[in-house]
Amino acid sequence: MEEKILNCWKERPGLGPSQIQFQLKREGIKVNTRTIRRVLIEHGYQKKEKIGIEGLQRFEAERPNKMWQLDIVDFWLGKCRVFVLLMIDDYSRFIVGFGIFTEATMSHAITVLRKSISTHGKPESLLTDRGMQFYSWRTMSRFQKLLESLGIEHILARAHHPQTLGKVEALNKRIQNELIQKKHFKSLSELEEEIRAWVYDYNHNRTHQGIRDPELGSVLVPADRYFGRVEEVLAKVRAKIEGKQASPFDYTKDIENLESIEIFKVMENRGNIEAWFCGRRYKIGSN
């Protein structure tokens, strides 16, 4: 068990004990957080500041593409200032798009929006702050005009109130803590490659504590919600925990009425060697 815990932590160093618990639980491995914390501390783990937005008011869109959130995180790559635009689906926390630029302009925001829409369809609404890349207080900006032409409602966060953009703000902190501040990038192309891999892992492999099932907890990843496969995934997780193997056939029906079940046998039939497994015949060869 210790090896499984450490392997999970090595793959995703940003995870804490409770996050590792659900990551392992998704694979059918049950272990309590106390054990995980003990193992991690023995190998140098130090509790990190909890990622979150103080004073966040909880709200959540009721379906995929109901609302997206868009924000910008910036940092220095050598002497070059880099801006990463991240677009996230509010309901699922799925990252629908991102872009890496050396300037944060309205044109770049439009580029990320158009690319995200071409891949995932358009959202009903888009939540942003009042940055100059998205909003103009004097008249409608090009970004706002594009949203209007596409029939997308533009929702503006309150001024000086990052809590409104809580989900994407938390994502900004996470990508900084787990990737940007951890690695040295030699070029923008290398940075883009690393961010692309991080986004894929975040969307498809990493359990998200903001997506909870009442019974199993946070065993879902953003893609489960975004692509509507929650029930299918939860059923597979339950089966793994209970030690069952997923199968298109139900061999458990009326099992209590059977004295024995022949799972596997090898026999000779007219000079041919046959293997039978769970009622299916497989020809092996001949004598």
Protein backbone atom coordinates (compact mmCIF):
# COMPACT_ATOMS: atom_id res chain seq x y z
CA MET A 1 0.00 0.00 0.00
CA GLU A 2 2.85 2.37 0.83
CA GLU A 3 4.23 1.95 -2.68
CA LYS A 4 0.85 2.80 -4.25
CA ILE A 5 0.57 5.93 -2.09
CA LEU A 6 4.07 7.11 -2.99
CA ASN A 7 3.60 6.38 -6.69
CA CYS A 8 0.42 8.46 -6.72
CA TRP A 9 2.19 11.30 -4.90
CA LYS A 10 5.15 11.09 -7.29
CA GLU A 11 2.88 11.36 -10.33
CA ARG A 12 1.03 14.35 -8.84
CA PRO A 13 3.19 16.08 -6.19
CA GLY A 14 0.56 18.77 -5.67
CA LEU A 15 -1.94 16.35 -4.14
CA GLY A 16 -2.52 16.19 -0.39
CA PRO A 17 -3.62 13.15 1.67
CA SER A 18 -7.36 13.49 1.04
CA GLN A 19 -6.82 14.03 -2.70
CA ILE A 20 -4.59 10.96 -2.89
CA GLN A 21 -7.25 8.98 -1.01
CA PHE A 22 -9.84 9.70 -3.70
CA GLN A 23 -7.34 9.21 -6.52
CA LEU A 24 -6.65 5.70 -5.21
CA LYS A 25 -10.32 5.07 -4.47
CA ARG A 26 -11.12 5.74 -8.13
CA GLU A 27 -8.88 2.75 -8.89
CA GLY A 28 -10.68 0.60 -6.32
CA ILE A 29 -8.04 1.00 -3.58
CA LYS A 30 -9.41 1.94 -0.16
CA VAL A 31 -7.08 3.55 2.38
CA ASN A 32 -7.75 6.19 5.05
CA THR A 33 -6.20 9.65 5.02
CA ARG A 34 -4.40 9.05 8.33
CA THR A 35 -2.35 6.27 6.76
CA ILE A 36 -1.66 8.35 3.67
CA ARG A 37 -0.58 11.35 5.75
CA ARG A 38 1.78 9.20 7.84
CA VAL A 39 3.42 7.72 4.75
CA LEU A 40 3.81 11.12 3.09
CA ILE A 41 5.27 12.75 6.21
CA GLU A 42 7.80 9.92 6.50
CA HIS A 43 8.92 10.81 2.98
CA GLY A 44 9.18 14.58 3.41
CA TYR A 45 5.61 15.81 2.89
CA GLN A 46 4.83 19.25 4.27
CA LYS A 47 1.30 20.54 4.47
CA LYS A 48 0.71 23.22 1.85
CA GLU A 49 -1.52 26.23 1.98
CA LYS A 50 -5.03 25.25 0.99
CA ILE A 51 -5.91 26.39 -2.52
CA GLY A 52 -9.10 28.40 -2.43
CA ILE A 53 -10.56 31.87 -2.60
CA GLU A 54 -11.40 33.53 0.70
CA GLY A 55 -15.01 34.61 0.97
CA LEU A 56 -16.07 32.53 -2.04
CA GLN A 57 -19.81 32.37 -2.55
CA ARG A 58 -20.69 28.89 -3.76
CA PHE A 59 -22.60 28.59 -7.00
CA GLU A 60 -22.53 26.08 -9.81
CA ALA A 61 -24.03 25.93 -13.29
CA GLU A 62 -26.53 23.11 -13.68
CA ARG A 63 -25.11 21.53 -16.86
CA PRO A 64 -22.08 21.53 -19.19
CA ASN A 65 -21.65 24.65 -21.36
CA LYS A 66 -24.18 26.57 -19.29
CA MET A 67 -21.38 28.88 -18.16
CA TRP A 68 -17.67 29.16 -18.83
CA GLN A 69 -15.16 31.20 -16.84
CA LEU A 70 -12.13 32.91 -18.40
CA ASP A 71 -9.15 34.43 -16.61
CA ILE A 72 -5.45 35.18 -17.04
CA VAL A 73 -2.41 34.13 -15.03
CA ASP A 74 0.96 35.79 -15.71
CA PHE A 75 4.57 35.08 -14.74
CA TRP A 76 8.13 35.62 -15.94
CA LEU A 77 9.96 33.16 -18.18
CA GLY A 78 13.48 34.50 -17.97
CA LYS A 79 13.20 38.10 -19.14
CA CYS A 80 9.94 37.44 -20.98
CA ARG A 81 6.59 38.02 -19.35
CA VAL A 82 4.13 35.24 -20.21
CA PHE A 83 0.35 35.26 -20.02
CA VAL A 84 -1.71 32.05 -19.85
CA LEU A 85 -5.43 32.35 -20.60
CA LEU A 86 -7.49 29.56 -19.05
CA MET A 87 -11.13 28.81 -19.94
CA ILE A 88 -13.04 26.48 -17.62
CA ASP A 89 -16.55 25.00 -17.68
CA ASP A 90 -18.29 26.03 -14.46
CA TYR A 91 -20.38 22.87 -14.01
CA SER A 92 -17.68 20.26 -14.59
CA ARG A 93 -14.43 22.21 -13.96
CA PHE A 94 -13.29 20.88 -17.36
CA ILE A 95 -10.69 23.12 -19.03
CA VAL A 96 -12.24 23.82 -22.43
CA GLY A 97 -9.35 25.91 -23.72
CA PHE A 98 -6.12 27.74 -23.00
CA GLY A 99 -3.63 29.98 -24.74
CA ILE A 100 -0.05 31.11 -24.07
CA PHE A 101 1.02 34.60 -25.16
CA THR A 102 3.66 37.24 -24.48
CA GLU A 103 0.93 39.89 -24.34
CA ALA A 104 -2.54 39.84 -22.84
CA THR A 105 -4.66 41.48 -25.52
CA MET A 106 -8.30 41.37 -26.53
CA SER A 107 -7.31 39.64 -29.77
CA HIS A 108 -5.69 36.84 -27.78
CA ALA A 109 -8.79 36.45 -25.64
CA ILE A 110 -10.87 36.20 -28.81
CA THR A 111 -8.46 33.59 -30.20
CA VAL A 112 -8.86 31.37 -27.11
CA LEU A 113 -12.63 31.81 -27.14
CA ARG A 114 -13.00 30.92 -30.83
CA LYS A 115 -10.73 27.88 -30.49
CA SER A 116 -12.63 26.64 -27.43
CA ILE A 117 -15.97 27.03 -29.21
CA SER A 118 -14.71 25.21 -32.30
CA THR A 119 -13.74 22.25 -30.10
CA HIS A 120 -16.55 22.12 -27.54
CA GLY A 121 -19.41 24.20 -28.90
CA LYS A 122 -20.45 27.56 -27.50
CA PRO A 123 -21.48 28.24 -23.91
CA GLU A 124 -24.72 29.96 -22.97
CA SER A 125 -22.79 32.50 -20.91
CA LEU A 126 -19.22 33.56 -20.16
CA LEU A 127 -18.00 34.96 -16.84
CA THR A 128 -14.96 37.27 -16.85
CA ASP A 129 -13.54 40.09 -14.80
CA ARG A 130 -13.54 43.68 -16.05
CA GLY A 131 -10.05 43.50 -17.54
CA MET A 132 -9.33 45.43 -20.72
CA GLN A 133 -9.04 42.14 -22.64
CA PHE A 134 -12.77 41.55 -22.13
CA TYR A 135 -14.54 44.78 -21.27
CA SER A 136 -14.73 48.46 -22.15
CA TRP A 137 -16.59 50.85 -19.84
CA ARG A 138 -17.11 53.49 -22.52
CA THR A 139 -18.61 51.37 -25.25
CA MET A 140 -18.92 47.71 -26.24
CA SER A 141 -15.54 46.11 -26.83
CA ARG A 142 -14.76 43.80 -29.77
CA PHE A 143 -14.84 40.91 -27.34
CA GLN A 144 -18.31 41.86 -26.11
CA LYS A 145 -19.57 42.39 -29.65
CA LEU A 146 -18.36 38.91 -30.58
CA LEU A 147 -20.20 37.40 -27.61
CA GLU A 148 -23.36 39.27 -28.58
CA SER A 149 -23.13 38.09 -32.20
CA LEU A 150 -22.77 34.49 -30.98
CA GLY A 151 -25.67 34.78 -28.57
CA ILE A 152 -23.44 34.30 -25.52
CA GLU A 153 -24.38 36.26 -22.41
CA HIS A 154 -21.42 38.17 -20.94
CA ILE A 155 -21.46 38.09 -17.13
CA LEU A 156 -19.08 40.51 -15.45
CA ALA A 157 -17.57 39.85 -12.04
CA ARG A 158 -17.87 42.57 -9.45
CA ALA A 159 -14.94 44.98 -9.49
CA HIS A 160 -12.12 44.01 -7.09
CA HIS A 161 -13.98 40.82 -6.17
CA PRO A 162 -12.01 37.75 -7.37
CA GLN A 163 -14.32 35.46 -5.37
CA THR A 164 -16.85 35.63 -8.22
CA LEU A 165 -14.34 33.85 -10.46
CA GLY A 166 -13.53 31.37 -7.72
CA LYS A 167 -13.20 28.22 -9.83
CA VAL A 168 -10.85 29.61 -12.45
CA GLU A 169 -8.93 31.62 -9.80
CA ALA A 170 -8.35 28.38 -7.88
CA LEU A 171 -7.22 26.77 -11.13
CA ASN A 172 -4.76 29.63 -11.67
CA LYS A 173 -3.22 28.99 -8.24
CA ARG A 174 -3.07 25.26 -8.84
CA ILE A 175 -1.24 25.46 -12.16
CA GLN A 176 1.23 27.94 -10.65
CA ASN A 177 1.90 25.81 -7.56
CA GLU A 178 2.11 22.48 -9.36
CA LEU A 179 3.75 23.36 -12.66
CA ILE A 180 4.89 26.91 -13.30
CA GLN A 181 6.78 27.34 -10.02
CA LYS A 182 8.11 23.77 -10.01
CA LYS A 183 9.80 23.52 -13.40
CA HIS A 184 12.34 25.47 -15.40
CA PHE A 185 11.21 26.06 -18.97
CA LYS A 186 13.76 26.77 -21.67
CA SER A 187 11.30 28.09 -24.25
CA LEU A 188 7.68 28.99 -24.88
CA SER A 189 7.23 25.82 -26.93
CA GLU A 190 8.43 23.70 -24.02
CA LEU A 191 6.10 25.60 -21.69
CA GLU A 192 3.16 25.00 -24.01
CA GLU A 193 3.94 21.29 -24.24
CA GLU A 194 4.08 20.98 -20.44
CA ILE A 195 0.87 22.96 -19.92
CA ARG A 196 -0.93 20.90 -22.56
CA ALA A 197 0.06 17.69 -20.76
CA TRP A 198 -0.93 19.15 -17.39
CA VAL A 199 -4.34 20.23 -18.73
CA TYR A 200 -4.99 16.76 -20.17
CA ASP A 201 -4.11 15.09 -16.89
CA TYR A 202 -6.26 17.58 -14.96
CA ASN A 203 -9.25 16.99 -17.25
CA HIS A 204 -9.08 13.22 -17.67
CA ASN A 205 -7.07 11.61 -14.88
CA ARG A 206 -7.09 13.73 -11.75
CA THR A 207 -9.98 13.54 -9.30
CA HIS A 208 -11.50 16.89 -8.36
CA GLN A 209 -12.61 17.68 -4.82
CA GLY A 210 -15.22 20.10 -6.10
CA ILE A 211 -17.10 17.24 -7.76
CA ARG A 212 -18.48 15.00 -5.02
CA ASP A 213 -20.70 11.95 -5.07
CA PRO A 214 -22.73 11.57 -1.83
CA GLU A 215 -21.66 7.93 -1.47
CA LEU A 216 -18.15 7.68 -2.92
CA GLY A 217 -16.89 11.23 -2.45
CA SER A 218 -14.55 13.00 -4.86
CA VAL A 219 -13.70 10.11 -7.20
CA LEU A 220 -14.74 11.88 -10.41
CA VAL A 221 -12.55 13.80 -12.86
CA PRO A 222 -13.80 16.87 -14.78
CA ALA A 223 -14.21 14.91 -18.03
CA ASP A 224 -16.65 12.52 -16.31
CA ARG A 225 -19.04 15.38 -15.71
CA TYR A 226 -18.43 17.30 -18.90
CA PHE A 227 -19.05 14.32 -21.18
CA GLY A 228 -21.97 12.95 -19.15
CA ARG A 229 -20.48 9.66 -18.00
CA VAL A 230 -20.83 10.12 -14.22
CA GLU A 231 -23.11 7.14 -13.56
CA GLU A 232 -21.00 4.84 -15.74
CA VAL A 233 -17.80 5.81 -13.92
CA LEU A 234 -19.37 5.54 -10.47
CA ALA A 235 -20.62 2.05 -11.30
CA LYS A 236 -17.11 1.02 -12.35
CA VAL A 237 -15.59 2.47 -9.18
CA ARG A 238 -18.11 0.60 -7.02
CA ALA A 239 -17.33 -2.62 -8.89
CA LYS A 240 -13.60 -2.15 -8.35
CA ILE A 241 -14.05 -1.48 -4.64
CA GLU A 242 -16.24 -4.56 -4.26
CA GLY A 243 -13.69 -6.65 -6.13
CA LYS A 244 -15.87 -7.32 -9.16
CA GLN A 245 -14.67 -7.30 -12.75
CA ALA A 246 -16.64 -5.39 -15.34
CA SER A 247 -18.20 -7.82 -17.82
CA PRO A 248 -20.86 -7.72 -20.53
CA PHE A 249 -22.33 -10.88 -19.00
CA ASP A 250 -23.91 -11.28 -15.57
CA TYR A 251 -22.64 -14.53 -14.08
CA THR A 252 -24.05 -13.74 -10.62
CA LYS A 253 -27.73 -14.34 -11.44
CA ASP A 254 -29.22 -17.20 -9.43
CA ILE A 255 -25.74 -18.14 -8.25
CA GLU A 256 -27.13 -19.16 -4.87
CA ASN A 257 -29.07 -21.96 -6.59
CA LEU A 258 -25.98 -23.54 -8.14
CA GLU A 259 -23.86 -26.14 -6.41
CA SER A 260 -20.75 -25.34 -8.46
CA ILE A 261 -19.65 -23.35 -11.47
CA GLU A 262 -17.19 -24.63 -14.05
CA ILE A 263 -15.07 -21.59 -14.91
CA PHE A 264 -12.28 -23.14 -16.98
CA LYS A 265 -11.56 -26.51 -18.60
CA VAL A 266 -9.37 -27.95 -21.35
CA MET A 267 -10.58 -30.92 -23.38
CA GLU A 268 -9.98 -32.90 -26.59
CA ASN A 269 -12.70 -32.95 -29.24
CA ARG A 270 -12.09 -35.05 -32.40
CA GLY A 271 -8.37 -34.53 -32.24
CA ASN A 272 -8.62 -30.79 -31.50
CA ILE A 273 -7.60 -29.20 -28.20
CA GLU A 274 -10.25 -26.81 -26.88
CA ALA A 275 -10.23 -24.46 -23.90
CA TRP A 276 -13.53 -23.43 -22.31
CA PHE A 277 -13.71 -20.27 -20.23
CA CYS A 278 -16.96 -19.10 -18.63
CA GLY A 279 -18.97 -21.04 -21.17
CA ARG A 280 -17.03 -19.87 -24.23
CA ARG A 281 -14.99 -22.21 -26.43
CA TYR A 282 -11.51 -21.33 -27.71
CA LYS A 283 -9.73 -23.61 -30.21
CA ILE A 284 -6.07 -24.07 -29.34
CA GLY A 285 -4.80 -26.58 -31.89
CA SER A 286 -4.71 -30.26 -32.77
CA ASN A 287 -2.78 -33.31 -31.58
